[in-house]
């Protein structure tokens, strides 16, 4: 019965998403695609799937625009991540799944509402980025505590470290003027992977939980590490190519003389004394 209550919300959500996806594809098929704006996608999802997810969140988004600050949504997402870590550490994996899913949805909505509502600010971008890192720290700490009596704790530590390197490499590259956004294991993918593995582990229960969660964290570590290293290589090559380009020095700009001085230097006013021949 516990497993039924754990899986029932997932079944209902999956059914609703499937029906919505069929409707979304049907609208495209008849030439009336849904109108979605400010859609950001990555290599894994693609523009079509990303547009579908944004379309699904449309009703929630429309209710929040103009009523709730994007920074408030970011703060609530951070609290949800902290609660996810607490739930995971205490063994309430079902709660950890749904809390982390809610945090991920809010993480999508805060940026979209900021862009659509014209409230994008540097302070808000900093708050969002740093909150995401703190949120992941809270989540991985919870899983590390849950697995601290098993060797799988090392996989959690590795997953957290690799996830941080994905974000750090992008931030460092952007500080040097390089935009990096590629990779198969970004924050959204990590949330999907961790929640999926947690749901499977909670469903099987017993001695299967630790290996399932540990394997999930191991996959997260390897995929995030590959993404971070790929970004590192790409950024390094771009910077090396820039430094190898020849530097063209422009001649110094000639400053015009003030009118009074320029008139004194006029050829009409300068008398040249002829050279005396010896």
Protein backbone atom coordinates (compact mmCIF):
# COMPACT_ATOMS: atom_id res chain seq x y z
CA UNK A 1 0.00 0.00 0.00
CA UNK A 2 2.90 2.39 0.76
CA UNK A 3 4.28 1.72 -2.68
CA UNK A 4 0.90 2.51 -4.21
CA UNK A 5 0.75 5.90 -2.51
CA UNK A 6 4.31 6.54 -3.60
CA UNK A 7 3.74 5.64 -7.23
CA UNK A 8 0.16 6.89 -7.68
CA UNK A 9 1.13 10.58 -8.09
CA UNK A 10 3.80 9.58 -10.61
CA UNK A 11 1.31 7.54 -12.60
CA UNK A 12 -1.23 10.39 -12.61
CA UNK A 13 1.44 12.93 -13.61
CA UNK A 14 2.80 10.67 -16.35
CA UNK A 15 -0.71 10.09 -17.74
CA UNK A 16 -1.48 13.81 -17.75
CA UNK A 17 1.81 14.61 -19.49
CA UNK A 18 1.19 11.91 -22.08
CA UNK A 19 -2.29 13.22 -22.91
CA UNK A 20 -0.93 16.78 -23.10
CA UNK A 21 1.92 15.65 -25.35
CA UNK A 22 -0.52 13.97 -27.72
CA UNK A 23 -2.56 17.20 -27.84
CA UNK A 24 0.62 19.24 -28.38
CA UNK A 25 1.68 17.04 -31.29
CA UNK A 26 -1.86 17.18 -32.71
CA UNK A 27 -1.80 20.97 -32.77
CA UNK A 28 1.47 20.86 -34.68
CA UNK A 29 0.03 18.29 -37.10
CA UNK A 30 -2.95 20.48 -38.04
CA UNK A 31 -0.72 23.52 -38.50
CA UNK A 32 -1.74 25.34 -35.33
CA UNK A 33 1.29 25.02 -33.07
CA UNK A 34 0.93 26.46 -29.56
CA UNK A 35 2.41 29.90 -29.13
CA UNK A 36 5.18 29.82 -26.57
CA UNK A 37 7.81 32.50 -26.05
CA UNK A 38 11.24 32.78 -24.45
CA UNK A 39 11.89 29.04 -24.78
CA UNK A 40 15.38 27.94 -23.74
CA UNK A 41 16.49 24.45 -24.68
CA UNK A 42 19.60 22.30 -24.49
CA UNK A 43 21.13 19.47 -26.47
CA UNK A 44 19.11 16.76 -24.72
CA UNK A 45 15.62 18.24 -24.81
CA UNK A 46 15.69 20.19 -28.07
CA UNK A 47 13.36 23.06 -29.03
CA UNK A 48 10.29 20.86 -29.61
CA UNK A 49 10.37 19.14 -26.21
CA UNK A 50 11.36 22.34 -24.43
CA UNK A 51 8.42 24.12 -26.05
CA UNK A 52 6.11 21.33 -24.88
CA UNK A 53 7.29 21.65 -21.28
CA UNK A 54 6.88 25.42 -21.36
CA UNK A 55 3.39 24.98 -22.82
CA UNK A 56 2.54 22.57 -20.00
CA UNK A 57 3.63 25.13 -17.40
CA UNK A 58 1.75 27.93 -19.16
CA UNK A 59 -1.32 28.01 -16.85
CA UNK A 60 0.87 28.23 -13.74
CA UNK A 61 3.08 30.83 -15.36
CA UNK A 62 0.17 33.07 -16.32
CA UNK A 63 -1.15 33.03 -12.77
CA UNK A 64 2.23 34.07 -11.35
CA UNK A 65 3.17 36.82 -13.81
CA UNK A 66 2.63 40.22 -12.25
CA UNK A 67 1.68 38.72 -8.90
CA UNK A 68 4.84 37.06 -7.62
CA UNK A 69 8.42 38.32 -7.77
CA UNK A 70 10.92 36.08 -9.60
CA UNK A 71 13.26 36.39 -6.61
CA UNK A 72 10.52 35.07 -4.34
CA UNK A 73 10.07 32.05 -6.62
CA UNK A 74 13.82 31.48 -6.52
CA UNK A 75 13.79 31.63 -2.72
CA UNK A 76 10.93 29.11 -2.52
CA UNK A 77 12.82 26.81 -4.88
CA UNK A 78 15.85 27.03 -2.59
CA UNK A 79 13.71 26.13 0.43
CA UNK A 80 12.29 23.17 -1.51
CA UNK A 81 15.82 21.95 -2.21
CA UNK A 82 16.70 22.21 1.49
CA UNK A 83 13.57 20.22 2.37
CA UNK A 84 14.55 17.67 -0.28
CA UNK A 85 17.88 17.15 1.44
CA UNK A 86 16.20 16.77 4.83
CA UNK A 87 13.68 14.27 3.44
CA UNK A 88 16.42 12.25 1.74
CA UNK A 89 18.62 12.23 4.84
CA UNK A 90 15.76 10.99 7.00
CA UNK A 91 14.81 8.25 4.56
CA UNK A 92 11.56 9.79 3.28
CA UNK A 93 12.49 9.24 -0.35
CA UNK A 94 8.95 9.69 -1.66
CA UNK A 95 8.81 13.19 -0.23
CA UNK A 96 12.31 13.87 -1.55
CA UNK A 97 11.14 13.06 -5.08
CA UNK A 98 8.16 15.40 -5.13
CA UNK A 99 9.91 18.21 -3.29
CA UNK A 100 12.79 18.13 -5.77
CA UNK A 101 10.37 18.02 -8.72
CA UNK A 102 8.60 21.11 -7.32
CA UNK A 103 11.95 22.85 -6.87
CA UNK A 104 12.86 22.09 -10.48
CA UNK A 105 9.58 23.47 -11.78
CA UNK A 106 10.04 26.67 -9.80
CA UNK A 107 13.60 26.93 -11.09
CA UNK A 108 12.20 27.00 -14.63
CA UNK A 109 9.47 29.49 -13.80
CA UNK A 110 11.59 32.11 -12.05
CA UNK A 111 13.75 32.79 -15.09
CA UNK A 112 10.85 32.72 -17.52
CA UNK A 113 8.75 35.10 -15.46
CA UNK A 114 11.71 37.46 -15.10
CA UNK A 115 12.17 37.53 -18.89
CA UNK A 116 8.51 37.80 -19.83
CA UNK A 117 7.66 40.35 -17.13
CA UNK A 118 10.71 42.49 -17.95
CA UNK A 119 12.26 42.03 -14.50
CA UNK A 120 15.66 40.70 -15.50
CA UNK A 121 18.35 42.28 -13.36
CA UNK A 122 21.98 41.52 -12.58
CA UNK A 123 21.10 41.14 -8.90
CA UNK A 124 18.34 38.66 -9.74
CA UNK A 125 20.65 36.66 -12.02
CA UNK A 126 23.23 36.44 -9.23
CA UNK A 127 20.61 35.41 -6.69
CA UNK A 128 19.26 32.72 -9.03
CA UNK A 129 22.67 31.28 -9.92
CA UNK A 130 23.97 31.16 -6.36
CA UNK A 131 20.66 29.76 -5.09
CA UNK A 132 20.93 26.91 -7.59
CA UNK A 133 24.37 25.98 -6.26
CA UNK A 134 23.22 26.11 -2.63
CA UNK A 135 20.15 24.07 -3.55
CA UNK A 136 22.24 21.31 -5.08
CA UNK A 137 24.51 21.35 -2.05
CA UNK A 138 21.53 20.78 0.26
CA UNK A 139 20.21 17.95 -1.91
CA UNK A 140 23.50 16.10 -2.24
CA UNK A 141 24.23 16.53 1.47
CA UNK A 142 20.95 14.78 2.21
CA UNK A 143 21.77 11.86 -0.04
CA UNK A 144 25.31 11.66 1.32
CA UNK A 145 23.94 11.38 4.85
CA UNK A 146 21.48 8.70 3.82
CA UNK A 147 24.30 6.66 2.22
CA UNK A 148 27.05 7.58 4.69
CA UNK A 149 27.35 4.00 5.98
CA UNK A 150 27.91 2.60 2.48
CA UNK A 151 30.67 3.05 -0.11
CA UNK A 152 28.07 4.73 -2.32
CA UNK A 153 28.59 7.93 -0.34
CA UNK A 154 31.71 8.49 -2.44
CA UNK A 155 29.52 8.51 -5.55
CA UNK A 156 27.37 11.24 -4.00
CA UNK A 157 30.45 13.33 -3.22
CA UNK A 158 31.72 12.81 -6.77
CA UNK A 159 28.33 13.75 -8.25
CA UNK A 160 28.26 16.96 -6.23
CA UNK A 161 31.83 17.89 -7.15
CA UNK A 162 31.28 17.23 -10.85
CA UNK A 163 28.02 19.21 -10.80
CA UNK A 164 29.80 22.16 -9.27
CA UNK A 165 32.52 21.99 -11.92
CA UNK A 166 29.89 22.15 -14.68
CA UNK A 167 28.60 25.43 -13.25
CA UNK A 168 32.04 26.81 -12.36
CA UNK A 169 33.50 26.14 -15.82
CA UNK A 170 30.61 27.96 -17.45
CA UNK A 171 30.86 30.92 -15.05
CA UNK A 172 34.65 31.19 -15.49
CA UNK A 173 34.37 31.02 -19.27
CA UNK A 174 31.65 33.68 -19.32
CA UNK A 175 33.92 35.87 -17.21
CA UNK A 176 36.48 35.58 -20.04
CA UNK A 177 33.91 36.43 -22.71
CA UNK A 178 32.94 32.90 -23.82
CA UNK A 179 29.33 31.72 -23.71
CA UNK A 180 29.06 28.03 -22.77
CA UNK A 181 25.69 26.33 -22.46
CA UNK A 182 26.18 22.88 -23.98
CA UNK A 183 26.39 19.50 -22.37
CA UNK A 184 24.09 16.57 -21.65
CA UNK A 185 24.11 16.84 -17.86
CA UNK A 186 23.05 20.31 -16.78
CA UNK A 187 20.89 21.21 -13.81
CA UNK A 188 17.58 20.16 -15.36
CA UNK A 189 18.99 16.79 -16.40
CA UNK A 190 20.48 16.24 -12.95
CA UNK A 191 17.10 16.88 -11.34
CA UNK A 192 15.41 14.39 -13.68
CA UNK A 193 18.10 11.78 -13.08
CA UNK A 194 18.14 12.11 -9.29
CA UNK A 195 14.36 12.13 -8.92
CA UNK A 196 13.98 9.18 -11.29
CA UNK A 197 16.58 7.12 -9.47
CA UNK A 198 15.10 8.02 -6.11
CA UNK A 199 11.61 7.03 -7.23
CA UNK A 200 12.86 3.66 -8.47
CA UNK A 201 14.84 3.06 -5.28
CA UNK A 202 11.87 3.96 -3.09
CA UNK A 203 9.62 1.64 -5.09
CA UNK A 204 11.86 -1.40 -4.67
CA UNK A 205 12.78 -0.53 -1.08
CA UNK A 206 14.84 -2.66 1.32
CA UNK A 207 18.41 -3.51 0.46
CA UNK A 208 17.93 -2.37 -3.15
CA UNK A 209 17.71 1.32 -2.22
CA UNK A 210 21.41 1.92 -1.62
CA UNK A 211 22.65 0.31 -4.87
CA UNK A 212 19.98 2.10 -6.93
CA UNK A 213 20.67 5.50 -5.39
CA UNK A 214 24.42 4.91 -5.55
CA UNK A 215 24.26 3.93 -9.22
CA UNK A 216 22.18 7.03 -9.91
CA UNK A 217 24.80 9.22 -8.27
CA UNK A 218 27.58 7.42 -10.13
CA UNK A 219 25.88 8.11 -13.46
CA UNK A 220 25.40 11.74 -12.40
CA UNK A 221 29.09 12.00 -11.49
CA UNK A 222 30.33 10.54 -14.78
CA UNK A 223 27.94 12.49 -17.00
CA UNK A 224 28.48 15.77 -15.14
CA UNK A 225 32.24 15.23 -15.18
CA UNK A 226 32.16 14.63 -18.93
CA UNK A 227 30.11 17.80 -19.42
CA UNK A 228 32.50 19.87 -17.29
CA UNK A 229 35.59 18.52 -19.09
CA UNK A 230 34.00 19.11 -22.50
CA UNK A 231 33.25 22.71 -21.57
CA UNK A 232 36.80 23.12 -20.28
CA UNK A 233 38.28 21.87 -23.56
CA UNK A 234 35.97 23.98 -25.71
CA UNK A 235 36.71 27.16 -23.74
CA UNK A 236 40.45 26.48 -23.76
CA UNK A 237 40.50 26.01 -27.54
CA UNK A 238 38.57 29.21 -28.13
CA UNK A 239 40.91 31.22 -25.90
CA UNK A 240 43.99 29.62 -27.50
CA UNK A 241 42.72 30.53 -30.98
CA UNK A 242 42.09 34.08 -29.89
CA UNK A 243 45.58 34.43 -28.48
CA UNK A 244 47.12 32.97 -31.65
CA UNK A 245 45.52 35.58 -33.89
CA UNK A 246 47.92 38.35 -35.01
CA UNK A 247 47.43 41.62 -33.24
CA UNK A 248 46.93 44.55 -35.62
CA UNK A 249 48.22 47.78 -34.12
CA UNK A 250 46.32 50.81 -35.26
CA UNK A 251 48.25 54.05 -35.79
CA UNK A 252 47.81 56.53 -33.01
CA UNK A 253 45.04 58.98 -33.59
CA UNK A 254 46.23 62.48 -34.57
CA UNK A 255 44.74 65.06 -32.27
CA UNK A 256 43.70 68.25 -34.12
CA UNK A 257 45.47 71.42 -33.05
CA UNK A 258 43.49 74.19 -31.43
CA UNK A 259 42.43 76.83 -33.99
CA UNK A 260 44.75 79.49 -32.54
CA UNK A 261 47.82 77.28 -32.73
CA UNK A 262 46.83 75.95 -36.13
CA UNK A 263 46.65 79.50 -37.51
CA UNK A 264 50.17 80.20 -36.24
CA UNK A 265 51.40 77.13 -38.07
CA UNK A 266 49.82 78.19 -41.37
CA UNK A 267 52.30 78.27 -44.32
CA UNK A 268 51.20 81.82 -45.14
CA UNK A 269 52.51 83.08 -41.81
CA UNK A 270 55.74 81.13 -41.69
CA UNK A 271 58.73 82.78 -43.35
CA UNK A 272 61.55 80.48 -44.28
CA UNK A 273 64.99 82.06 -44.36
CA UNK A 274 66.89 80.95 -47.46
CA UNK A 275 70.13 79.12 -46.91
CA UNK A 276 73.24 81.15 -47.50
CA UNK A 277 75.58 79.67 -50.05
CA UNK A 278 79.23 79.60 -49.08
